[in-house]
Amino acid sequence: MNMTRILQVEKSMRLHGQLLPVVARVHEGGYQLIDGFKRYYAAEDLMMETLECLLLEIDLSQAKVLLLSYNRPHQSMEAWEEAMVLQDLQKTHSLDQRSLARLTGYSRSWVSRRLSLIDKMDQEVSSDIMMGVLTSSHARALTRLPRGNQGEVARVIATYRLTSRQSDALAEAFLKAKDEDQQRYILTHPEQILMKDQPGSEEDIYDVRLSSYGNDLMQSTGYIIQAVQLMLSRLDDKRIGMLNETEKLIITPGFEKVSGYAKKLTETITHIQIHKSEQQDEK
């Protein structure tokens, strides 16, 4: 479950109560939830005793189709979850892709893309996705790779908490690697691939107007800019609001060190900067 969304629903229910009923079906003498999982989890946290519920008498295959349709307008299901429902319908109820498309109201290409997420995925990586370690966006990048390589690339994605765009860039670089040694280097130093993927970053260019030392400074400046852009993109991630107090306690000293280096860098480069007034005089 997406904890950020659950917390949003919980906040709404705390302020306004339950606005929409959950949907369930009669099942084995009890009830099986079809829609409203976030409302259910939020209600548990709020210690609510009851929930308003729309109760349906439908069979299992109809319930699975409704599971997809109820979540479609708000895109509240991960693509991987949709793929699991489709695969289950395909295997349990002997439905081909054409039948799945007709039954769910989606196009055949949509059905095919979802099923390929599972069909092309390594089992170990599939487990990581189901556990929430990786997202469906990461899965799309990984399906481009041979099954035997997906696990090691997935570990890098999870370790560095890469975005879907960064994961695509990493998978692309891995596929273009000339040999296994280059693949190992890419997985050991993914930050270099990610820096090259930043907008406007190209191969280092030698400026003939500068000395060798001047070019070194220019290239170092480019590396710093790319690293800061990467850091800012991670700080802009919605998961920043989900850090617990222990994580903040561990991470804060690193932030303070970065801030200190930034201050020292500003003080060091001040004396070589050309002030605007001097530039205007030269013009």
Protein backbone atom coordinates (compact mmCIF):
# COMPACT_ATOMS: atom_id res chain seq x y z
CA MET A 1 0.00 0.00 0.00
CA ASN A 2 1.11 3.55 -0.76
CA MET A 3 1.51 4.97 2.74
CA THR A 4 1.45 8.58 1.51
CA ARG A 5 -2.01 8.07 0.01
CA ILE A 6 -3.24 6.22 3.10
CA LEU A 7 -2.16 9.14 5.30
CA GLN A 8 -3.97 11.57 2.98
CA VAL A 9 -7.17 9.52 3.21
CA GLU A 10 -6.77 9.23 6.99
CA LYS A 11 -6.41 13.02 7.28
CA SER A 12 -9.58 13.52 5.23
CA MET A 13 -11.54 10.96 7.25
CA ARG A 14 -10.35 12.49 10.50
CA LEU A 15 -11.71 15.88 9.38
CA HIS A 16 -14.80 14.92 7.39
CA GLY A 17 -15.59 11.31 8.23
CA GLN A 18 -16.24 8.66 5.58
CA LEU A 19 -17.41 10.38 2.39
CA LEU A 20 -17.70 7.33 0.09
CA PRO A 21 -18.74 3.76 0.95
CA VAL A 22 -16.32 0.89 0.51
CA VAL A 23 -17.39 -1.87 -1.89
CA ALA A 24 -17.43 -5.55 -0.95
CA ARG A 25 -18.99 -8.85 -1.99
CA VAL A 26 -20.52 -11.68 -0.01
CA HIS A 27 -17.87 -14.37 0.38
CA GLU A 28 -17.75 -17.60 2.41
CA GLY A 29 -20.08 -16.36 5.11
CA GLY A 30 -18.28 -13.02 5.37
CA TYR A 31 -17.27 -10.11 3.14
CA GLN A 32 -14.45 -9.62 0.66
CA LEU A 33 -13.29 -6.05 0.03
CA ILE A 34 -13.18 -4.91 -3.60
CA ASP A 35 -12.72 -1.15 -3.33
CA GLY A 36 -11.79 1.08 -0.40
CA PHE A 37 -8.60 -0.50 0.95
CA LYS A 38 -7.09 2.87 1.94
CA ARG A 39 -10.34 3.85 3.69
CA TYR A 40 -10.28 0.51 5.52
CA TYR A 41 -6.67 0.91 6.73
CA ALA A 42 -7.31 4.53 7.71
CA ALA A 43 -10.43 3.48 9.64
CA GLU A 44 -8.36 0.93 11.56
CA ASP A 45 -5.84 3.62 12.54
CA LEU A 46 -8.70 5.91 13.57
CA MET A 47 -10.25 3.04 15.57
CA MET A 48 -13.60 3.36 13.79
CA GLU A 49 -15.95 0.48 14.60
CA THR A 50 -17.94 0.48 11.36
CA LEU A 51 -17.73 1.59 7.72
CA GLU A 52 -20.55 2.31 5.29
CA CYS A 53 -20.40 -0.40 2.63
CA LEU A 54 -21.97 -1.12 -0.76
CA LEU A 55 -22.51 -4.89 -0.75
CA LEU A 56 -22.60 -6.77 -4.06
CA GLU A 57 -23.54 -10.35 -4.86
CA ILE A 58 -21.13 -11.14 -7.70
CA ASP A 59 -18.77 -14.01 -8.57
CA LEU A 60 -14.98 -13.97 -8.27
CA SER A 61 -14.21 -13.06 -11.90
CA GLN A 62 -16.63 -10.11 -11.78
CA ALA A 63 -15.03 -8.95 -8.53
CA LYS A 64 -11.59 -8.95 -10.13
CA VAL A 65 -12.82 -6.90 -13.08
CA LEU A 66 -14.47 -4.43 -10.68
CA LEU A 67 -11.21 -4.19 -8.76
CA LEU A 68 -9.61 -2.78 -11.92
CA SER A 69 -12.52 -0.53 -12.92
CA TYR A 70 -13.02 1.08 -9.49
CA ASN A 71 -9.37 2.06 -9.32
CA ARG A 72 -9.09 3.23 -12.92
CA PRO A 73 -10.37 6.84 -12.57
CA HIS A 74 -7.95 7.72 -9.76
CA GLN A 75 -5.08 5.47 -10.92
CA SER A 76 -4.78 4.27 -7.34
CA MET A 77 -3.44 0.84 -8.34
CA GLU A 78 0.17 0.32 -9.33
CA ALA A 79 0.68 -1.01 -12.86
CA TRP A 80 2.17 -4.13 -11.28
CA GLU A 81 -0.99 -4.70 -9.24
CA GLU A 82 -3.11 -4.33 -12.38
CA ALA A 83 -0.83 -6.84 -14.11
CA MET A 84 -1.30 -9.35 -11.28
CA VAL A 85 -5.09 -9.09 -11.53
CA LEU A 86 -4.96 -9.58 -15.30
CA GLN A 87 -2.59 -12.54 -15.00
CA ASP A 88 -4.86 -14.13 -12.42
CA LEU A 89 -7.90 -13.65 -14.68
CA GLN A 90 -5.93 -15.12 -17.56
CA LYS A 91 -4.81 -18.25 -15.70
CA THR A 92 -7.69 -18.91 -13.30
CA HIS A 93 -10.50 -18.17 -15.74
CA SER A 94 -8.76 -19.21 -19.01
CA LEU A 95 -9.08 -15.82 -20.70
CA ASP A 96 -6.90 -14.69 -23.61
CA GLN A 97 -5.77 -11.09 -24.13
CA ARG A 98 -8.67 -10.29 -26.46
CA SER A 99 -11.18 -11.52 -23.86
CA LEU A 100 -9.39 -9.60 -21.10
CA ALA A 101 -9.55 -6.39 -23.12
CA ARG A 102 -13.27 -6.85 -23.83
CA LEU A 103 -14.05 -7.78 -20.22
CA THR A 104 -12.09 -4.94 -18.58
CA GLY A 105 -12.77 -2.22 -21.15
CA TYR A 106 -9.06 -1.60 -21.74
CA SER A 107 -7.29 -1.86 -25.10
CA ARG A 108 -5.42 -5.03 -26.08
CA SER A 109 -2.15 -3.10 -26.13
CA TRP A 110 -2.77 -1.94 -22.53
CA VAL A 111 -3.46 -5.52 -21.46
CA SER A 112 -0.37 -6.75 -23.31
CA ARG A 113 1.90 -4.11 -21.72
CA ARG A 114 0.67 -4.96 -18.23
CA LEU A 115 1.11 -8.71 -18.69
CA SER A 116 4.62 -8.22 -20.09
CA LEU A 117 5.63 -6.61 -16.78
CA ILE A 118 5.20 -10.01 -15.15
CA ASP A 119 6.11 -12.29 -18.06
CA LYS A 120 9.50 -10.63 -18.61
CA MET A 121 10.40 -10.12 -14.95
CA ASP A 122 12.83 -12.13 -12.83
CA GLN A 123 11.09 -13.80 -9.87
CA GLU A 124 13.34 -12.19 -7.26
CA VAL A 125 12.68 -8.74 -8.70
CA SER A 126 8.95 -9.52 -8.76
CA SER A 127 9.10 -10.16 -5.01
CA ASP A 128 10.79 -6.78 -4.46
CA ILE A 129 8.00 -5.05 -6.38
CA MET A 130 5.28 -6.83 -4.40
CA MET A 131 7.04 -5.83 -1.16
CA GLY A 132 7.21 -2.20 -2.26
CA VAL A 133 11.01 -2.05 -2.55
CA LEU A 134 10.63 -1.19 -6.26
CA THR A 135 7.78 0.49 -8.13
CA SER A 136 6.03 -0.38 -11.38
CA SER A 137 7.99 2.42 -13.07
CA HIS A 138 11.21 0.70 -12.05
CA ALA A 139 9.77 -2.56 -13.40
CA ARG A 140 9.29 -1.04 -16.85
CA ALA A 141 12.97 -0.09 -16.98
CA LEU A 142 14.06 -3.53 -15.76
CA THR A 143 11.97 -5.45 -18.32
CA ARG A 144 14.29 -4.06 -20.99
CA LEU A 145 17.10 -6.17 -19.52
CA PRO A 146 17.69 -9.94 -19.72
CA ARG A 147 16.27 -11.75 -16.68
CA GLY A 148 19.77 -12.71 -15.52
CA ASN A 149 20.81 -9.05 -15.19
CA GLN A 150 17.64 -7.63 -13.68
CA GLY A 151 18.47 -8.50 -10.08
CA GLU A 152 21.82 -6.69 -9.94
CA VAL A 153 20.47 -3.59 -11.66
CA ALA A 154 17.42 -3.65 -9.35
CA ARG A 155 19.71 -3.63 -6.31
CA VAL A 156 21.43 -0.48 -7.58
CA ILE A 157 18.04 1.18 -8.20
CA ALA A 158 16.86 0.32 -4.69
CA THR A 159 20.15 1.30 -3.00
CA TYR A 160 20.34 4.71 -4.69
CA ARG A 161 16.54 5.20 -4.65
CA LEU A 162 16.54 6.12 -8.31
CA THR A 163 13.58 7.76 -10.03
CA SER A 164 11.94 6.07 -13.03
CA ARG A 165 13.83 8.41 -15.39
CA GLN A 166 17.13 7.62 -13.72
CA SER A 167 16.33 3.90 -13.81
CA ASP A 168 15.68 4.14 -17.56
CA ALA A 169 19.04 5.87 -18.02
CA LEU A 170 20.83 3.19 -15.98
CA ALA A 171 19.18 0.36 -17.93
CA GLU A 172 20.03 2.07 -21.23
CA ALA A 173 23.69 2.47 -20.23
CA PHE A 174 23.86 -1.15 -19.08
CA LEU A 175 22.47 -2.37 -22.41
CA LYS A 176 24.97 -0.25 -24.37
CA ALA A 177 27.96 -1.47 -22.35
CA LYS A 178 30.60 -3.12 -24.55
CA ASP A 179 31.47 -5.96 -22.19
CA GLU A 180 30.96 -7.32 -18.66
CA ASP A 181 33.76 -5.15 -17.25
CA GLN A 182 31.98 -2.02 -18.42
CA GLN A 183 28.69 -3.31 -17.00
CA ARG A 184 30.39 -3.87 -13.64
CA TYR A 185 31.79 -0.35 -13.72
CA ILE A 186 28.35 1.11 -14.47
CA LEU A 187 26.77 -0.72 -11.52
CA THR A 188 29.64 0.23 -9.22
CA HIS A 189 29.61 3.92 -10.25
CA PRO A 190 25.97 4.65 -11.22
CA GLU A 191 26.32 8.30 -10.17
CA GLN A 192 28.46 8.97 -13.25
CA ILE A 193 25.72 7.64 -15.53
CA LEU A 194 23.11 9.71 -13.68
CA MET A 195 25.19 12.87 -13.95
CA LYS A 196 25.50 12.43 -17.72
CA ASP A 197 21.73 11.99 -17.84
CA GLN A 198 21.12 15.45 -16.36
CA PRO A 199 19.66 17.99 -18.85
CA GLY A 200 22.41 19.84 -20.70
CA SER A 201 25.21 17.55 -19.52
CA GLU A 202 27.38 16.26 -22.35
CA GLU A 203 30.87 14.85 -22.59
CA ASP A 204 33.55 17.11 -21.15
CA ILE A 205 34.46 19.82 -23.64
CA TYR A 206 37.91 21.43 -23.66
CA ASP A 207 37.68 25.22 -23.91
CA VAL A 208 40.67 26.54 -25.89
CA ARG A 209 40.37 29.93 -24.18
CA LEU A 210 41.30 28.33 -20.84
CA SER A 211 44.49 26.86 -19.48
CA SER A 212 44.61 23.22 -18.42
CA TYR A 213 43.93 24.31 -14.83
CA GLY A 214 41.07 26.55 -15.99
CA ASN A 215 39.47 23.63 -17.82
CA ASP A 216 39.85 21.45 -14.71
CA LEU A 217 37.96 24.08 -12.71
CA MET A 218 35.21 24.33 -15.33
CA GLN A 219 34.75 20.54 -15.42
CA SER A 220 34.70 20.36 -11.62
CA THR A 221 32.03 23.07 -11.59
CA GLY A 222 29.94 20.96 -13.97
CA TYR A 223 30.25 17.91 -11.73
CA ILE A 224 29.16 19.93 -8.70
CA ILE A 225 26.15 21.37 -10.53
CA GLN A 226 25.05 17.88 -11.63
CA ALA A 227 25.51 16.45 -8.13
CA VAL A 228 23.47 19.29 -6.60
CA GLN A 229 20.73 18.80 -9.21
CA LEU A 230 20.62 15.10 -8.35
CA MET A 231 20.45 15.88 -4.62
CA LEU A 232 17.70 18.45 -5.10
CA SER A 233 15.65 16.00 -7.18
CA ARG A 234 15.84 13.47 -4.33
CA LEU A 235 14.91 16.08 -1.74
CA ASP A 236 11.91 16.98 -3.90
CA ASP A 237 10.70 13.36 -3.69
CA LYS A 238 7.35 13.00 -1.87
CA ARG A 239 8.96 10.33 0.36
CA ILE A 240 10.87 13.09 2.18
CA GLY A 241 7.76 13.66 4.29
CA MET A 242 7.73 10.00 5.35
CA LEU A 243 11.16 10.02 7.05
CA ASN A 244 10.88 9.01 10.69
CA GLU A 245 12.76 10.69 13.53
CA THR A 246 15.52 8.05 13.58
CA GLU A 247 16.20 8.53 9.87
CA LYS A 248 16.31 12.30 10.29
CA LEU A 249 18.78 11.91 13.17
CA ILE A 250 21.06 9.78 11.00
CA ILE A 251 20.82 11.94 7.86
CA THR A 252 21.02 15.43 9.41
CA PRO A 253 24.81 15.38 10.11
CA GLY A 254 25.40 14.72 6.41
CA PHE A 255 23.21 17.67 5.48
CA GLU A 256 25.12 19.86 7.92
CA LYS A 257 28.43 18.76 6.40
CA VAL A 258 27.16 19.56 2.89
CA SER A 259 25.98 22.98 4.10
CA GLY A 260 29.40 23.63 5.65
CA TYR A 261 31.23 22.72 2.46
CA ALA A 262 28.86 24.94 0.46
CA LYS A 263 29.65 27.89 2.75
CA LYS A 264 33.40 27.23 2.49
CA LEU A 265 33.16 26.97 -1.30
CA THR A 266 31.31 30.30 -1.48
CA GLU A 267 33.99 31.99 0.65
CA THR A 268 36.82 30.46 -1.41
CA ILE A 269 35.54 31.45 -4.85
CA THR A 270 34.44 34.98 -3.88
CA HIS A 271 37.87 36.51 -4.55
CA ILE A 272 38.05 35.19 -8.17
CA GLN A 273 34.57 36.32 -9.20
CA ILE A 274 34.28 39.32 -11.49
CA HIS A 275 31.72 41.77 -10.19
CA LYS A 276 29.04 43.01 -12.57
CA SER A 277 30.32 46.57 -12.33
CA GLU A 278 33.76 45.44 -13.54
CA GLN A 279 32.17 43.48 -16.42
CA GLN A 280 30.21 46.58 -17.47
CA ASP A 281 33.38 48.71 -17.37
CA GLU A 282 35.14 46.22 -19.65
CA LYS A 283 32.24 46.41 -22.13
